[in-house]
């Protein structure tokens, strides 16, 4: 685990942590963590993915807040450094949002990007 008093390569907002914690409680599985990853594809070249995982693999980066754990594999982390994971609720719906300063272009839906 990482010490949150250190400067983290990725920010994990309170809203995202609280929503993850709520979802884990609803799933009745306290071992779940939210894994954020990047894959090839999408309309801009890369796309963000979110999944619940009960494992932390060797080399994974983790951030814990409010009892919720965010997990990012090393390959994905290199594309997310300086960014943030947030959770928003709006008239358009609710979703996890990645803010990525490394993305040169993004698609209109915000789920894919290019570097």
Protein backbone atom coordinates (compact mmCIF):
# COMPACT_ATOMS: atom_id res chain seq x y z
CA UNK A 1 0.00 0.00 0.00
CA UNK A 2 1.09 3.56 -0.58
CA UNK A 3 1.27 6.31 2.01
CA UNK A 4 -1.22 9.03 0.99
CA UNK A 5 0.98 11.69 2.65
CA UNK A 6 3.39 11.22 -0.25
CA UNK A 7 2.84 12.87 -3.60
CA UNK A 8 0.95 10.28 -5.60
CA UNK A 9 1.33 9.83 -9.36
CA UNK A 10 -2.47 9.69 -9.65
CA UNK A 11 -5.21 11.36 -7.62
CA UNK A 12 -8.16 9.39 -6.28
CA UNK A 13 -11.00 11.72 -5.33
CA UNK A 14 -13.16 11.41 -2.24
CA UNK A 15 -16.25 11.02 -4.45
CA UNK A 16 -14.72 8.07 -6.32
CA UNK A 17 -13.55 6.38 -3.12
CA UNK A 18 -16.93 6.74 -1.44
CA UNK A 19 -18.77 5.37 -4.50
CA UNK A 20 -16.42 2.38 -4.72
CA UNK A 21 -16.98 1.68 -1.03
CA UNK A 22 -20.77 1.79 -1.57
CA UNK A 23 -20.56 -0.58 -4.55
CA UNK A 24 -18.38 -3.02 -2.59
CA UNK A 25 -20.91 -3.04 0.25
CA UNK A 26 -23.71 -3.68 -2.27
CA UNK A 27 -21.73 -6.61 -3.74
CA UNK A 28 -21.22 -8.03 -0.22
CA UNK A 29 -17.57 -8.79 -1.01
CA UNK A 30 -15.10 -6.79 1.06
CA UNK A 31 -12.13 -8.14 -0.93
CA UNK A 32 -13.08 -6.23 -4.09
CA UNK A 33 -10.97 -3.36 -5.40
CA UNK A 34 -11.59 -1.09 -8.40
CA UNK A 35 -9.06 -1.78 -11.13
CA UNK A 36 -8.46 1.00 -13.66
CA UNK A 37 -6.73 -0.04 -16.86
CA UNK A 38 -5.96 1.14 -20.36
CA UNK A 39 -6.42 -0.96 -23.48
CA UNK A 40 -5.96 -0.36 -27.16
CA UNK A 41 -9.08 0.58 -29.05
CA UNK A 42 -11.77 3.19 -28.85
CA UNK A 43 -12.18 5.94 -31.38
CA UNK A 44 -8.97 7.71 -30.30
CA UNK A 45 -6.53 4.78 -29.97
CA UNK A 46 -6.66 3.91 -26.26
CA UNK A 47 -9.58 3.49 -23.92
CA UNK A 48 -10.11 3.46 -20.17
CA UNK A 49 -11.58 0.45 -18.44
CA UNK A 50 -12.91 -0.16 -14.93
CA UNK A 51 -13.56 -3.52 -13.32
CA UNK A 52 -13.85 -4.96 -9.85
CA UNK A 53 -11.02 -7.32 -8.97
CA UNK A 54 -10.27 -9.24 -5.80
CA UNK A 55 -6.53 -9.50 -6.51
CA UNK A 56 -3.55 -7.18 -6.40
CA UNK A 57 -0.87 -8.42 -8.76
CA UNK A 58 2.86 -7.95 -8.30
CA UNK A 59 3.82 -4.48 -9.55
CA UNK A 60 0.31 -3.05 -9.24
CA UNK A 61 0.03 0.47 -7.84
CA UNK A 62 -2.64 0.93 -5.15
CA UNK A 63 -4.28 3.85 -3.41
CA UNK A 64 -6.56 3.32 -0.44
CA UNK A 65 -9.08 5.89 0.74
CA UNK A 66 -12.14 5.44 3.00
CA UNK A 67 -11.55 1.70 2.91
CA UNK A 68 -11.78 1.57 -0.90
CA UNK A 69 -8.77 0.45 -2.91
CA UNK A 70 -7.93 1.65 -6.42
CA UNK A 71 -5.56 -0.65 -8.36
CA UNK A 72 -3.62 0.23 -11.53
CA UNK A 73 -1.23 -2.06 -13.38
CA UNK A 74 2.23 -0.62 -14.18
CA UNK A 75 1.61 -0.39 -17.95
CA UNK A 76 -1.60 1.61 -17.46
CA UNK A 77 -0.12 3.79 -14.73
CA UNK A 78 2.52 5.20 -17.07
CA UNK A 79 -0.28 6.72 -19.19
CA UNK A 80 -2.18 8.07 -16.16
CA UNK A 81 0.61 9.84 -14.22
CA UNK A 82 -0.57 13.28 -13.15
CA UNK A 83 -4.21 12.43 -13.74
CA UNK A 84 -7.15 11.69 -11.48
CA UNK A 85 -9.98 9.22 -11.02
CA UNK A 86 -13.27 10.85 -10.03
CA UNK A 87 -16.94 9.94 -9.80
CA UNK A 88 -19.59 12.33 -11.03
CA UNK A 89 -23.37 12.40 -10.93
CA UNK A 90 -25.15 14.67 -13.39
CA UNK A 91 -28.26 14.86 -15.53
CA UNK A 92 -26.42 12.70 -18.08
CA UNK A 93 -25.97 9.93 -15.52
CA UNK A 94 -23.31 8.86 -13.08
CA UNK A 95 -19.90 7.43 -13.93
CA UNK A 96 -16.25 7.21 -13.06
CA UNK A 97 -14.22 9.81 -14.92
CA UNK A 98 -10.53 9.85 -15.77
CA UNK A 99 -8.82 13.22 -16.11
CA UNK A 100 -5.63 12.58 -18.01
CA UNK A 101 -3.17 15.43 -18.71
CA UNK A 102 -1.13 13.07 -20.93
CA UNK A 103 -3.95 12.67 -23.47
CA UNK A 104 -3.36 14.74 -26.60
CA UNK A 105 -6.88 14.16 -27.90
CA UNK A 106 -10.00 12.60 -26.44
CA UNK A 107 -13.27 11.44 -27.92
CA UNK A 108 -16.52 13.17 -27.12
CA UNK A 109 -17.60 10.42 -24.73
CA UNK A 110 -14.39 10.81 -22.70
CA UNK A 111 -13.64 7.09 -22.57
CA UNK A 112 -10.92 7.00 -25.22
CA UNK A 113 -7.84 9.08 -25.90
CA UNK A 114 -4.59 9.30 -27.83
CA UNK A 115 -1.10 10.19 -26.69
